[in-house]
Each structure stands twice: as structure tokens, then as C-alpha cells.
N, C-alpha and C. Protein backbone atom coordinates (compact mmCIF):
# COMPACT_ATOMS: atom_id res chain seq x y z
N MET A 1 141.15 26.54 291.67
CA MET A 1 140.92 27.23 290.61
C MET A 1 140.74 25.26 290.12
N ALA A 2 139.07 25.49 289.40
CA ALA A 2 138.32 23.82 288.81
C ALA A 2 138.73 24.14 287.68
N THR A 3 139.55 23.23 287.05
CA THR A 3 139.75 23.17 285.63
C THR A 3 138.79 21.89 285.09
N LYS A 4 137.91 22.28 283.91
CA LYS A 4 137.16 21.34 283.25
C LYS A 4 137.62 20.18 282.81
N ASN A 5 137.10 19.05 282.59
CA ASN A 5 137.42 17.95 281.73
C ASN A 5 137.19 18.27 280.76
N LYS A 6 138.33 17.53 279.67
CA LYS A 6 138.35 17.63 278.13
C LYS A 6 138.06 16.54 277.50
N ILE A 7 137.15 16.68 276.41
CA ILE A 7 136.35 15.91 276.02
C ILE A 7 137.15 15.35 274.59
N TRP A 8 137.79 14.74 274.11
CA TRP A 8 138.01 14.17 272.67
C TRP A 8 137.25 13.70 272.15
N ASN A 9 136.87 14.97 271.23
CA ASN A 9 135.89 14.63 269.63
C ASN A 9 136.48 13.96 268.49
N LYS A 10 136.70 12.87 268.12
CA LYS A 10 137.05 12.02 267.59
C LYS A 10 135.96 12.41 266.26
N THR A 11 136.89 12.98 265.17
CA THR A 11 135.40 13.01 263.64
C THR A 11 135.41 12.20 263.12
N LYS A 12 133.95 11.81 262.63
CA LYS A 12 134.10 10.24 261.77
C LYS A 12 134.17 10.24 260.40
N SER A 13 135.61 9.44 260.22
CA SER A 13 135.72 9.33 258.66
C SER A 13 134.78 8.43 258.07
N VAL A 14 134.99 9.12 256.51
CA VAL A 14 134.13 8.24 255.84
C VAL A 14 134.75 7.82 254.92
N MET A 15 134.82 6.35 254.45
CA MET A 15 136.16 6.36 253.59
C MET A 15 135.67 5.20 252.45
N ALA A 16 135.76 5.58 251.07
CA ALA A 16 134.77 4.71 249.57
C ALA A 16 135.32 3.42 249.78
N ALA A 17 134.66 2.54 250.39
CA ALA A 17 134.70 0.50 250.46
C ALA A 17 134.54 0.19 248.94
N GLY A 18 134.27 0.60 248.01
CA GLY A 18 134.41 0.35 246.42
C GLY A 18 133.41 0.62 245.49
N TRP A 19 133.01 -0.39 244.96
CA TRP A 19 132.35 0.18 243.97
C TRP A 19 131.00 -1.32 243.60
N CYS A 20 129.44 -1.02 243.26
CA CYS A 20 129.28 -2.22 242.96
C CYS A 20 129.15 -2.51 241.94
N ASN A 21 129.65 -3.71 241.49
CA ASN A 21 130.09 -4.97 240.63
C ASN A 21 128.85 -4.54 239.20
N VAL A 22 127.64 -4.66 239.71
CA VAL A 22 126.28 -4.30 239.35
C VAL A 22 125.98 -2.79 239.06
N CYS A 23 125.35 -2.30 239.18
CA CYS A 23 125.27 -0.58 238.97
C CYS A 23 126.08 -0.09 239.37
N LYS A 24 127.90 0.40 239.93
CA LYS A 24 128.58 1.01 239.76
C LYS A 24 128.08 2.00 240.92
N LYS A 25 127.25 1.52 242.16
CA LYS A 25 126.88 2.97 242.99
C LYS A 25 128.56 2.74 244.00
N GLU A 26 128.57 3.90 244.33
CA GLU A 26 130.24 3.54 245.53
C GLU A 26 129.31 3.36 246.66
N MET A 27 130.09 2.64 247.12
CA MET A 27 129.83 1.68 248.41
C MET A 27 131.11 2.89 250.00
N LEU A 28 130.09 3.24 250.57
CA LEU A 28 130.84 4.13 251.97
C LEU A 28 131.22 2.94 253.27
N SER A 29 131.90 3.23 253.91
CA SER A 29 132.58 2.52 255.00
C SER A 29 131.23 2.47 256.41
N ASP A 30 130.79 3.61 256.06
CA ASP A 30 129.69 4.18 257.36
C ASP A 30 128.12 3.49 256.95
N ALA A 31 127.89 3.59 255.51
CA ALA A 31 126.73 3.15 254.83
C ALA A 31 126.09 1.62 255.31
N GLY A 32 127.23 0.86 255.65
CA GLY A 32 126.52 -0.97 255.67
C GLY A 32 125.28 -1.31 254.22
N GLY A 33 124.69 -2.28 254.35
CA GLY A 33 123.91 -2.65 253.02
C GLY A 33 124.99 -3.22 251.94
N TRP A 34 125.86 -3.74 251.78
CA TRP A 34 126.86 -4.36 250.97
C TRP A 34 127.11 -5.28 251.09
N ILE A 35 127.51 -6.21 250.12
CA ILE A 35 128.05 -7.68 250.74
C ILE A 35 129.22 -7.74 249.61
N VAL A 36 130.12 -8.29 250.01
CA VAL A 36 131.53 -8.90 249.19
C VAL A 36 131.94 -10.67 249.08
N ASN A 37 131.77 -11.24 247.66
CA ASN A 37 131.89 -12.71 248.11
C ASN A 37 133.30 -13.00 247.90
N ALA A 38 133.30 -14.18 247.22
CA ALA A 38 134.77 -14.86 247.87
C ALA A 38 135.73 -14.24 246.47
N GLU A 39 135.12 -13.89 245.72
CA GLU A 39 136.05 -13.58 244.52
C GLU A 39 136.10 -11.51 244.64
N LYS A 40 135.80 -10.89 245.76
CA LYS A 40 136.40 -9.87 246.18
C LYS A 40 135.42 -8.88 245.54
N LYS A 41 134.28 -9.27 244.85
CA LYS A 41 133.56 -8.52 244.14
C LYS A 41 132.54 -7.67 244.93
N HIS A 42 132.35 -6.53 245.03
CA HIS A 42 131.37 -5.84 245.77
C HIS A 42 129.80 -5.87 245.53
N PHE A 43 129.03 -5.71 245.63
CA PHE A 43 127.40 -6.12 245.48
C PHE A 43 126.51 -5.03 246.57
N CYS A 44 125.53 -4.33 246.13
CA CYS A 44 124.57 -3.56 246.76
C CYS A 44 123.39 -4.26 247.64
N HIS A 45 122.57 -4.32 248.60
CA HIS A 45 121.49 -4.63 249.01
C HIS A 45 120.35 -3.81 248.69
N ASP A 46 120.94 -2.55 248.48
CA ASP A 46 119.02 -2.04 248.05
C ASP A 46 119.94 -1.07 246.74
N GLY A 47 120.05 -1.74 245.47
CA GLY A 47 120.62 -1.46 244.44
C GLY A 47 119.10 -0.84 243.42
N LYS A 48 119.36 -0.20 242.21
CA LYS A 48 118.31 0.62 242.14
C LYS A 48 116.92 -0.08 241.40
N ASP A 49 117.14 -1.68 241.13
CA ASP A 49 116.02 -2.66 241.12
C ASP A 49 116.13 -4.02 241.65
N GLY A 50 116.10 -3.30 242.69
CA GLY A 50 116.25 -4.56 243.82
C GLY A 50 117.78 -5.15 244.20
N SER A 51 118.13 -6.25 244.94
CA SER A 51 119.30 -6.37 245.44
C SER A 51 120.03 -6.79 243.99
N CYS A 52 121.18 -6.07 243.78
CA CYS A 52 122.56 -6.42 242.75
C CYS A 52 122.87 -7.92 242.84
N PHE A 53 123.03 -7.91 244.47
CA PHE A 53 123.74 -9.38 244.66
C PHE A 53 123.18 -10.72 244.14
N ASP A 54 121.72 -10.74 244.22
CA ASP A 54 120.43 -11.61 243.71
C ASP A 54 120.47 -11.02 242.26
N LYS A 55 120.56 -10.55 241.70
CA LYS A 55 121.08 -10.34 240.30
C LYS A 55 121.99 -10.77 239.37
N TYR A 56 123.37 -11.01 240.25
CA TYR A 56 124.08 -11.44 239.81
C TYR A 56 124.04 -13.09 240.16
N ILE A 57 123.92 -13.61 241.26
CA ILE A 57 123.55 -14.73 241.52
C ILE A 57 122.89 -15.30 240.19
N LYS A 58 121.70 -14.59 239.86
CA LYS A 58 120.55 -15.84 238.99
C LYS A 58 121.55 -15.51 237.44
N GLU A 59 122.71 -14.44 237.18
CA GLU A 59 123.06 -14.01 235.75
C GLU A 59 124.39 -15.43 236.16
N LYS A 60 124.80 -15.64 237.06
CA LYS A 60 125.82 -16.98 237.19
C LYS A 60 124.92 -18.41 236.97
N GLN A 61 123.86 -18.33 237.32
CA GLN A 61 123.08 -19.51 237.15
C GLN A 61 123.04 -19.84 235.60
N LEU A 62 122.03 -18.41 235.24
CA LEU A 62 122.01 -18.68 233.70
C LEU A 62 123.12 -19.31 232.93
N MET A 63 124.21 -18.71 233.21
CA MET A 63 125.44 -19.02 232.32
C MET A 63 125.76 -20.39 232.79
N ALA A 64 125.84 -20.97 233.52
CA ALA A 64 125.91 -22.02 233.75
C ALA A 64 125.03 -22.94 233.44
N GLU A 65 123.82 -22.98 233.08
CA GLU A 65 122.70 -23.74 232.91
C GLU A 65 123.07 -23.91 231.06
N ASP A 66 123.20 -22.39 230.81
CA ASP A 66 123.46 -22.84 229.06
C ASP A 66 124.81 -23.16 228.44
N ALA A 67 125.56 -23.51 229.47
CA ALA A 67 126.80 -24.15 230.00
C ALA A 67 126.94 -25.61 229.22
N THR A 68 125.86 -26.29 230.18
CA THR A 68 125.64 -27.78 230.58
C THR A 68 124.82 -27.95 229.02
N TYR A 69 124.46 -27.12 228.66
CA TYR A 69 123.14 -27.17 227.96
C TYR A 69 123.79 -27.36 226.45
N GLU A 70 124.93 -26.59 226.34
CA GLU A 70 126.26 -26.57 225.40
C GLU A 70 126.94 -27.83 224.89
N LYS A 71 127.14 -28.24 226.09
CA LYS A 71 127.94 -29.30 226.10
C LYS A 71 127.24 -30.57 225.90
N GLU A 72 125.63 -30.20 226.69
CA GLU A 72 124.90 -31.79 225.93
C GLU A 72 124.88 -32.57 224.66
N ILE A 73 125.06 -30.95 223.67
CA ILE A 73 124.62 -30.87 222.04
C ILE A 73 125.91 -31.69 221.65
């Protein structure tokens, strides 16, 4: 009597890793394409209008430039 080898089929679980801080898109553990910065903020690579991380960086730069301009006055 020959026995059949049993194969363990592990189901792939998908977990929510977080939400994009710019476009509020849900990021899943199996999707990839997202960035977490040092402040533990999540960002998309492929947001509605391009990279949400790039938008965040540009916004931070503009805020820093405004702050230095206000200090000079």
C-alpha cells in the first residue's frame, strides 16, 4: 500500500501595513511599493499624482524655506 505525500498548503495572509500619510491609500503587506521614513510615516510610490514621498519632501523643503525667510525679517 503506497501512501501519498501530503503537501502543506500555507495560505498567504495579507495584512494592512498602514495608510499613506498623503493620499490615505491603504498599504498591504504583500503589495510592496511603499516607504516608511524615520518618523514612522508611511508613503506610496504610486499615489494618485506621482510619488507621495516626493510630495512630502517638497512640502517640507518649502516649509523650511519659509521658516528661514521669516527669521531674516
